[in-house]
C-alpha atoms as a PDB file:
ATOM      1  CA  MET A   1     -38.668  59.373  81.326  1.00  0.00           C
ATOM      2  CA  VAL A   2     -35.754  58.070  83.393  1.00  0.00           C
ATOM      3  CA  ASP A   3     -36.759  60.200  86.388  1.00  0.00           C
ATOM      4  CA  ILE A   4     -40.341  59.014  86.122  1.00  0.00           C
ATOM      5  CA  TYR A   5     -39.331  55.351  86.161  1.00  0.00           C
ATOM      6  CA  VAL A   6     -36.941  55.970  89.061  1.00  0.00           C
ATOM      7  CA  ALA A   7     -39.773  57.548  91.061  1.00  0.00           C
ATOM      8  CA  LEU A   8     -42.160  54.720  90.168  1.00  0.00           C
ATOM      9  CA  ILE A   9     -39.625  52.146  91.339  1.00  0.00           C
ATOM     10  CA  ILE A  10     -38.957  54.024  94.588  1.00  0.00           C
ATOM     11  CA  TYR A  11     -42.677  54.247  95.361  1.00  0.00           C
ATOM     12  CA  GLY A  12     -43.256  50.603  94.459  1.00  0.00           C
ATOM     13  CA  ARG A  13     -45.495  51.284  91.476  1.00  0.00           C
ATOM     14  CA  ARG A  14     -43.169  49.578  88.960  1.00  0.00           C
ATOM     15  CA  THR A  15     -40.383  47.027  89.076  1.00  0.00           C
ATOM     16  CA  PHE A  16     -37.061  47.344  87.312  1.00  0.00           C
ATOM     17  CA  GLU A  17     -38.128  44.536  84.972  1.00  0.00           C
ATOM     18  CA  GLN A  18     -41.085  46.682  83.838  1.00  0.00           C
ATOM     19  CA  VAL A  19     -38.763  49.473  82.666  1.00  0.00           C
ATOM     20  CA  PRO A  20     -38.310  49.403  78.871  1.00  0.00           C
ATOM     21  CA  SER A  21     -34.983  47.759  78.044  1.00  0.00           C
ATOM     22  CA  ILE A  22     -33.749  50.862  76.234  1.00  0.00           C
ATOM     23  CA  LEU A  23     -34.013  52.841  79.505  1.00  0.00           C
ATOM     24  CA  GLN A  24     -32.851  50.211  81.999  1.00  0.00           C
ATOM     25  CA  THR A  25     -29.173  51.225  81.961  1.00  0.00           C
ATOM     26  CA  LYS A  26     -29.944  54.880  82.639  1.00  0.00           C
ATOM     27  CA  VAL A  27     -32.535  54.030  85.300  1.00  0.00           C
ATOM     28  CA  GLU A  28     -30.059  51.726  87.046  1.00  0.00           C
ATOM     29  CA  GLU A  29     -27.365  54.435  86.946  1.00  0.00           C
ATOM     30  CA  GLU A  30     -29.763  56.968  88.482  1.00  0.00           C
ATOM     31  CA  LEU A  31     -30.843  54.541  91.214  1.00  0.00           C
ATOM     32  CA  ASN A  32     -27.176  53.825  91.997  1.00  0.00           C
ATOM     33  CA  ALA A  33     -26.467  57.567  92.179  1.00  0.00           C
ATOM     34  CA  LEU A  34     -29.203  57.748  94.826  1.00  0.00           C
ATOM     35  CA  ALA A  35     -27.588  54.790  96.674  1.00  0.00           C
ATOM     36  CA  LEU A  36     -30.534  52.530  95.808  1.00  0.00           C
ATOM     37  CA  ASN A  37     -30.722  49.021  94.365  1.00  0.00           C
ATOM     38  CA  THR A  38     -32.809  48.257  91.293  1.00  0.00           C
ATOM     39  CA  ASP A  39     -35.704  47.382  93.599  1.00  0.00           C
ATOM     40  CA  GLY A  40     -35.615  50.844  95.186  1.00  0.00           C
ATOM     41  CA  SER A  41     -34.181  49.692  98.499  1.00  0.00           C
ATOM     42  CA  PRO A  42     -31.067  51.268 100.042  1.00  0.00           C
ATOM     43  CA  GLN A  43     -27.751  49.712  99.081  1.00  0.00           C
ATOM     44  CA  ARG A  44     -25.810  48.001 101.863  1.00  0.00           C
ATOM     45  CA  GLN A  45     -22.464  49.513 102.656  1.00  0.00           C
END
């Protein structure tokens, strides 16, 4: 489910706030591993 929510956030179909709270930590970790913010945009370096 984490991968699905990550993909939905990246493609703009869901927001991080729409991710169930039980999955938010894992989704945020996966987005960070991809160098993305919780809104799916690239992190600034």
